[in-house]
Amino acid sequence: QVQLVESGGGLVQAGGSLNLSCTASRGSFSLNDMGWYRQAPGKQRELVAIITSGGTTNYAASVKGRFTISRDNAKTTIYLRMNSLEPEDTAVYYCRVWTLELGKPPSYESDHWGQGTQVTVSS
């Protein structure tokens, strides 16, 4: 069973920065794509950024140029550096990881969610 532990949320003023991290437990599986999602009150959960196992990144238009996603495979951890935060970035942020049990075909890939961490940006 894959466990994800998030940290780094908090309260920050507009224009400030925060760093989020998400560490996956180790096991007999590979870590494929890893990403960050967020859900604001009354809104649907949305993709913020994603990084493939090869390091290719993709960002939501609303955060491009302000947020940076990265991963450290040796530490089984992904990070989200958030700069120039805006009140509209206020949400619960979730990491999501796709894993594949070793020796299984790609169709066995499964995804897992972190518990979420609150980010609040005050104006």
N, C-alpha and C. Protein backbone atom coordinates (compact mmCIF):
# COMPACT_ATOMS: atom_id res chain seq x y z
N GLN A 1 0.84 -1.18 0.00
CA GLN A 1 0.00 0.00 0.00
C GLN A 1 0.89 1.25 0.00
N VAL A 2 0.62 2.16 -0.89
CA VAL A 2 1.41 3.38 -1.00
C VAL A 2 0.88 4.42 -0.02
N GLN A 3 1.76 4.97 0.78
CA GLN A 3 1.41 6.05 1.71
C GLN A 3 2.08 7.33 1.23
N LEU A 4 1.33 8.42 1.28
CA LEU A 4 1.86 9.72 0.90
C LEU A 4 1.73 10.66 2.08
N VAL A 5 2.82 11.36 2.38
CA VAL A 5 2.82 12.31 3.50
C VAL A 5 3.19 13.68 2.96
N GLU A 6 2.26 14.61 3.13
CA GLU A 6 2.46 15.97 2.65
C GLU A 6 2.87 16.89 3.80
N SER A 7 3.58 17.95 3.45
CA SER A 7 3.90 18.97 4.44
C SER A 7 4.16 20.29 3.74
N GLY A 8 4.11 21.37 4.50
CA GLY A 8 4.54 22.66 3.98
C GLY A 8 3.46 23.69 3.79
N GLY A 9 2.20 23.36 4.01
CA GLY A 9 1.16 24.36 3.85
C GLY A 9 1.21 25.39 4.95
N GLY A 10 0.35 26.39 4.84
CA GLY A 10 0.29 27.41 5.87
C GLY A 10 -0.38 28.67 5.39
N LEU A 11 -0.19 29.74 6.17
CA LEU A 11 -0.77 31.05 5.88
C LEU A 11 0.34 31.99 5.43
N VAL A 12 0.10 32.68 4.33
CA VAL A 12 1.10 33.61 3.81
C VAL A 12 0.39 34.81 3.22
N GLN A 13 1.05 35.95 3.21
CA GLN A 13 0.48 37.14 2.59
C GLN A 13 0.64 37.08 1.07
N ALA A 14 -0.22 37.78 0.39
CA ALA A 14 -0.12 37.86 -1.07
C ALA A 14 1.27 38.35 -1.46
N GLY A 15 1.81 37.70 -2.49
CA GLY A 15 3.17 38.02 -2.92
C GLY A 15 4.23 37.16 -2.28
N GLY A 16 3.85 36.41 -1.26
CA GLY A 16 4.80 35.56 -0.56
C GLY A 16 5.01 34.22 -1.24
N SER A 17 5.79 33.37 -0.57
CA SER A 17 6.15 32.06 -1.13
C SER A 17 5.92 30.96 -0.11
N LEU A 18 5.68 29.77 -0.62
CA LEU A 18 5.57 28.58 0.21
C LEU A 18 6.16 27.40 -0.55
N ASN A 19 6.65 26.42 0.20
CA ASN A 19 7.14 25.18 -0.40
C ASN A 19 6.32 24.03 0.15
N LEU A 20 5.84 23.19 -0.74
CA LEU A 20 5.15 21.97 -0.35
C LEU A 20 6.02 20.77 -0.71
N SER A 21 5.88 19.71 0.09
CA SER A 21 6.57 18.47 -0.25
C SER A 21 5.62 17.30 -0.01
N CYS A 22 5.88 16.22 -0.71
CA CYS A 22 5.06 15.01 -0.60
C CYS A 22 6.00 13.81 -0.76
N THR A 23 6.07 12.99 0.27
CA THR A 23 6.96 11.84 0.26
C THR A 23 6.16 10.56 0.20
N ALA A 24 6.54 9.72 -0.74
CA ALA A 24 5.86 8.43 -0.91
C ALA A 24 6.62 7.34 -0.17
N SER A 25 5.88 6.40 0.36
CA SER A 25 6.51 5.26 1.01
C SER A 25 7.21 4.41 -0.05
N ARG A 26 8.13 3.58 0.41
CA ARG A 26 8.87 2.73 -0.52
C ARG A 26 8.25 1.34 -0.54
N GLY A 27 8.39 0.71 -1.70
CA GLY A 27 7.84 -0.64 -1.81
C GLY A 27 8.21 -1.25 -3.15
N SER A 28 7.57 -2.34 -3.47
CA SER A 28 7.86 -3.05 -4.71
C SER A 28 7.06 -2.46 -5.86
N PHE A 29 7.28 -1.18 -6.09
CA PHE A 29 6.58 -0.50 -7.16
C PHE A 29 7.45 0.64 -7.67
N SER A 30 7.17 1.07 -8.88
CA SER A 30 7.86 2.24 -9.44
C SER A 30 6.96 3.45 -9.32
N LEU A 31 7.58 4.61 -9.19
CA LEU A 31 6.84 5.88 -9.15
C LEU A 31 6.83 6.45 -10.55
N ASN A 32 5.67 6.61 -11.10
CA ASN A 32 5.57 7.17 -12.45
C ASN A 32 5.29 8.66 -12.36
N ASP A 33 4.23 9.14 -12.97
CA ASP A 33 3.92 10.56 -12.88
C ASP A 33 3.59 10.93 -11.43
N MET A 34 3.95 12.16 -11.07
CA MET A 34 3.64 12.69 -9.74
C MET A 34 3.12 14.10 -9.93
N GLY A 35 2.12 14.47 -9.18
CA GLY A 35 1.53 15.78 -9.43
C GLY A 35 0.91 16.41 -8.20
N TRP A 36 0.58 17.68 -8.37
CA TRP A 36 -0.11 18.45 -7.34
C TRP A 36 -1.46 18.91 -7.89
N TYR A 37 -2.47 18.78 -7.06
CA TYR A 37 -3.82 19.25 -7.36
C TYR A 37 -4.26 20.16 -6.23
N ARG A 38 -5.30 20.93 -6.47
CA ARG A 38 -5.83 21.77 -5.39
C ARG A 38 -7.35 21.86 -5.52
N GLN A 39 -7.95 22.11 -4.37
CA GLN A 39 -9.40 22.27 -4.33
C GLN A 39 -9.75 23.42 -3.41
N ALA A 40 -10.34 24.44 -4.01
CA ALA A 40 -10.81 25.59 -3.24
C ALA A 40 -12.25 25.34 -2.79
N PRO A 41 -12.69 26.03 -1.74
CA PRO A 41 -14.06 25.83 -1.27
C PRO A 41 -15.08 26.07 -2.37
N GLY A 42 -15.99 25.13 -2.53
CA GLY A 42 -17.05 25.26 -3.52
C GLY A 42 -16.62 25.02 -4.95
N LYS A 43 -15.38 24.60 -5.14
CA LYS A 43 -14.87 24.37 -6.50
C LYS A 43 -14.41 22.93 -6.66
N GLN A 44 -14.28 22.52 -7.91
CA GLN A 44 -13.79 21.18 -8.20
C GLN A 44 -12.27 21.12 -8.03
N ARG A 45 -11.79 19.92 -7.72
CA ARG A 45 -10.36 19.74 -7.64
C ARG A 45 -9.75 19.92 -9.04
N GLU A 46 -8.61 20.62 -9.08
CA GLU A 46 -8.00 20.91 -10.37
C GLU A 46 -6.51 20.60 -10.34
N LEU A 47 -5.99 20.29 -11.52
CA LEU A 47 -4.56 20.05 -11.65
C LEU A 47 -3.79 21.35 -11.50
N VAL A 48 -2.71 21.31 -10.72
CA VAL A 48 -1.82 22.45 -10.59
C VAL A 48 -0.57 22.23 -11.43
N ALA A 49 0.08 21.10 -11.22
CA ALA A 49 1.31 20.79 -11.94
C ALA A 49 1.55 19.30 -11.88
N ILE A 50 2.26 18.80 -12.89
CA ILE A 50 2.56 17.38 -12.95
C ILE A 50 3.97 17.20 -13.50
N ILE A 51 4.65 16.14 -13.05
CA ILE A 51 5.99 15.85 -13.52
C ILE A 51 6.08 14.36 -13.79
N THR A 52 6.60 14.03 -14.96
CA THR A 52 6.72 12.62 -15.33
C THR A 52 7.96 12.00 -14.69
N SER A 53 8.07 10.70 -14.83
CA SER A 53 9.25 10.02 -14.28
C SER A 53 10.52 10.50 -14.97
N GLY A 54 10.39 11.00 -16.20
CA GLY A 54 11.54 11.50 -16.93
C GLY A 54 11.83 12.97 -16.68
N GLY A 55 10.97 13.62 -15.89
CA GLY A 55 11.23 15.01 -15.54
C GLY A 55 10.47 16.04 -16.37
N THR A 56 9.65 15.61 -17.28
CA THR A 56 8.85 16.56 -18.06
C THR A 56 7.76 17.13 -17.17
N THR A 57 7.57 18.45 -17.25
CA THR A 57 6.60 19.12 -16.40
C THR A 57 5.48 19.75 -17.22
N ASN A 58 4.35 19.92 -16.56
CA ASN A 58 3.22 20.61 -17.17
C ASN A 58 2.50 21.36 -16.06
N TYR A 59 2.05 22.58 -16.38
CA TYR A 59 1.45 23.44 -15.38
C TYR A 59 0.09 23.95 -15.83
N ALA A 60 -0.77 24.20 -14.87
CA ALA A 60 -1.99 24.92 -15.16
C ALA A 60 -1.62 26.34 -15.57
N ALA A 61 -2.41 26.92 -16.47
CA ALA A 61 -2.11 28.26 -16.96
C ALA A 61 -2.07 29.28 -15.84
N SER A 62 -2.88 29.08 -14.82
CA SER A 62 -2.99 30.06 -13.74
C SER A 62 -1.75 30.11 -12.85
N VAL A 63 -0.91 29.09 -12.90
CA VAL A 63 0.27 29.06 -12.02
C VAL A 63 1.57 29.08 -12.79
N LYS A 64 1.51 28.98 -14.10
CA LYS A 64 2.72 28.93 -14.92
C LYS A 64 3.54 30.19 -14.70
N GLY A 65 4.83 29.98 -14.48
CA GLY A 65 5.71 31.11 -14.23
C GLY A 65 5.83 31.49 -12.77
N ARG A 66 4.91 30.99 -11.93
CA ARG A 66 4.96 31.30 -10.49
C ARG A 66 5.28 30.05 -9.67
N PHE A 67 4.82 28.90 -10.11
CA PHE A 67 5.03 27.65 -9.37
C PHE A 67 6.04 26.77 -10.11
N THR A 68 6.80 25.99 -9.34
CA THR A 68 7.75 25.06 -9.92
C THR A 68 7.61 23.70 -9.24
N ILE A 69 7.38 22.68 -10.04
CA ILE A 69 7.31 21.32 -9.52
C ILE A 69 8.64 20.63 -9.79
N SER A 70 9.06 19.82 -8.83
CA SER A 70 10.30 19.06 -9.00
C SER A 70 10.16 17.74 -8.23
N ARG A 71 11.07 16.83 -8.50
CA ARG A 71 11.03 15.55 -7.80
C ARG A 71 12.45 15.07 -7.52
N ASP A 72 12.56 14.34 -6.43
CA ASP A 72 13.81 13.70 -6.06
C ASP A 72 13.49 12.22 -5.95
N ASN A 73 13.85 11.47 -6.98
CA ASN A 73 13.48 10.05 -7.00
C ASN A 73 14.17 9.27 -5.88
N ALA A 74 15.37 9.66 -5.53
CA ALA A 74 16.08 8.94 -4.46
C ALA A 74 15.35 9.09 -3.13
N LYS A 75 14.69 10.22 -2.95
CA LYS A 75 13.94 10.48 -1.72
C LYS A 75 12.45 10.19 -1.88
N THR A 76 12.06 9.71 -3.05
CA THR A 76 10.65 9.44 -3.39
C THR A 76 9.75 10.62 -3.00
N THR A 77 10.23 11.82 -3.34
CA THR A 77 9.55 13.04 -2.90
C THR A 77 9.33 13.98 -4.08
N ILE A 78 8.18 14.63 -4.08
CA ILE A 78 7.96 15.73 -5.01
C ILE A 78 7.80 17.01 -4.22
N TYR A 79 8.09 18.10 -4.89
CA TYR A 79 8.05 19.42 -4.28
C TYR A 79 7.23 20.36 -5.16
N LEU A 80 6.69 21.38 -4.50
CA LEU A 80 6.04 22.45 -5.23
C LEU A 80 6.49 23.76 -4.61
N ARG A 81 7.26 24.50 -5.37
CA ARG A 81 7.70 25.82 -4.95
C ARG A 81 6.67 26.81 -5.49
N MET A 82 6.06 27.59 -4.60
CA MET A 82 5.02 28.53 -5.00
C MET A 82 5.48 29.95 -4.68
N ASN A 83 5.66 30.74 -5.72
CA ASN A 83 6.07 32.14 -5.57
C ASN A 83 4.93 33.06 -5.99
N SER A 84 5.05 34.31 -5.61
CA SER A 84 4.06 35.34 -5.99
C SER A 84 2.64 34.85 -5.74
N LEU A 85 2.42 34.33 -4.56
CA LEU A 85 1.12 33.77 -4.25
C LEU A 85 0.03 34.83 -4.25
N GLU A 86 -1.14 34.42 -4.70
CA GLU A 86 -2.30 35.29 -4.78
C GLU A 86 -3.44 34.71 -3.94
N PRO A 87 -4.36 35.54 -3.48
CA PRO A 87 -5.49 35.00 -2.70
C PRO A 87 -6.24 33.88 -3.44
N GLU A 88 -6.24 33.96 -4.77
CA GLU A 88 -6.92 32.92 -5.57
C GLU A 88 -6.21 31.57 -5.50
N ASP A 89 -5.02 31.53 -4.96
CA ASP A 89 -4.30 30.26 -4.78
C ASP A 89 -4.72 29.54 -3.50
N THR A 90 -5.54 30.19 -2.70
CA THR A 90 -6.02 29.57 -1.46
C THR A 90 -6.81 28.30 -1.76
N ALA A 91 -6.39 27.20 -1.16
CA ALA A 91 -7.02 25.90 -1.43
C ALA A 91 -6.35 24.84 -0.56
N VAL A 92 -6.95 23.66 -0.57
CA VAL A 92 -6.26 22.49 -0.03
C VAL A 92 -5.49 21.86 -1.19
N TYR A 93 -4.21 21.65 -0.98
CA TYR A 93 -3.34 21.11 -2.02
C TYR A 93 -3.10 19.62 -1.74
N TYR A 94 -3.27 18.82 -2.78
CA TYR A 94 -3.11 17.36 -2.68
C TYR A 94 -2.03 16.89 -3.64
N CYS A 95 -1.19 15.98 -3.20
CA CYS A 95 -0.30 15.33 -4.14
C CYS A 95 -0.98 14.05 -4.64
N ARG A 96 -0.62 13.69 -5.82
CA ARG A 96 -1.16 12.48 -6.46
C ARG A 96 -0.01 11.78 -7.15
N VAL A 97 0.08 10.49 -6.93
CA VAL A 97 1.20 9.71 -7.46
C VAL A 97 0.66 8.48 -8.17
N TRP A 98 1.22 8.21 -9.33
CA TRP A 98 0.88 6.99 -10.06
C TRP A 98 2.00 5.96 -9.85
N THR A 99 1.62 4.78 -9.50
CA THR A 99 2.61 3.73 -9.25
C THR A 99 2.28 2.50 -10.07
N LEU A 100 3.31 1.69 -10.27
CA LEU A 100 3.15 0.44 -10.98
C LEU A 100 3.93 -0.64 -10.24
N GLU A 101 3.22 -1.67 -9.83
CA GLU A 101 3.87 -2.77 -9.14
C GLU A 101 4.91 -3.40 -10.06
N LEU A 102 6.08 -3.64 -9.53
CA LEU A 102 7.17 -4.19 -10.34
C LEU A 102 6.77 -5.51 -10.97
N GLY A 103 7.06 -5.63 -12.27
CA GLY A 103 6.74 -6.86 -12.99
C GLY A 103 5.35 -6.91 -13.59
N LYS A 104 4.56 -5.88 -13.31
CA LYS A 104 3.21 -5.84 -13.85
C LYS A 104 3.18 -5.00 -15.12
N PRO A 105 2.23 -5.28 -16.02
CA PRO A 105 2.11 -4.47 -17.23
C PRO A 105 1.52 -3.09 -16.92
N PRO A 106 1.69 -2.14 -17.85
CA PRO A 106 1.22 -0.76 -17.60
C PRO A 106 -0.24 -0.64 -17.21
N SER A 107 -1.06 -1.58 -17.65
CA SER A 107 -2.49 -1.51 -17.34
C SER A 107 -2.76 -1.64 -15.84
N TYR A 108 -1.78 -2.06 -15.07
CA TYR A 108 -1.93 -2.21 -13.63
C TYR A 108 -1.55 -0.93 -12.87
N GLU A 109 -1.24 0.11 -13.60
CA GLU A 109 -0.89 1.37 -12.93
C GLU A 109 -2.05 1.85 -12.06
N SER A 110 -1.74 2.37 -10.90
CA SER A 110 -2.78 2.89 -10.00
C SER A 110 -2.33 4.23 -9.46
N ASP A 111 -3.31 5.01 -9.01
CA ASP A 111 -2.99 6.33 -8.46
C ASP A 111 -3.35 6.39 -6.99
N HIS A 112 -2.67 7.32 -6.30
CA HIS A 112 -2.82 7.46 -4.86
C HIS A 112 -2.80 8.95 -4.51
N TRP A 113 -3.56 9.31 -3.50
CA TRP A 113 -3.67 10.71 -3.09
C TRP A 113 -3.09 10.93 -1.70
N GLY A 114 -2.49 12.10 -1.52
CA GLY A 114 -2.07 12.51 -0.20
C GLY A 114 -3.26 13.02 0.60
N GLN A 115 -3.03 13.34 1.87
CA GLN A 115 -4.12 13.74 2.76
C GLN A 115 -4.52 15.20 2.57
N GLY A 116 -3.71 15.96 1.87
CA GLY A 116 -4.02 17.37 1.63
C GLY A 116 -3.38 18.27 2.66
N THR A 117 -3.00 19.45 2.21
CA THR A 117 -2.43 20.46 3.10
C THR A 117 -3.02 21.82 2.73
N GLN A 118 -3.42 22.57 3.74
CA GLN A 118 -4.10 23.84 3.49
C GLN A 118 -3.08 24.94 3.17
N VAL A 119 -3.37 25.67 2.11
CA VAL A 119 -2.61 26.88 1.76
C VAL A 119 -3.59 28.04 1.76
N THR A 120 -3.30 29.05 2.57
CA THR A 120 -4.16 30.22 2.66
C THR A 120 -3.32 31.46 2.36
N VAL A 121 -3.79 32.23 1.39
CA VAL A 121 -3.08 33.45 0.99
C VAL A 121 -3.97 34.64 1.33
N SER A 122 -3.49 35.50 2.20
CA SER A 122 -4.27 36.67 2.62
C SER A 122 -3.93 37.87 1.74
N SER A 123 -4.93 38.72 1.54
CA SER A 123 -4.71 39.90 0.68
C SER A 123 -4.22 41.08 1.48
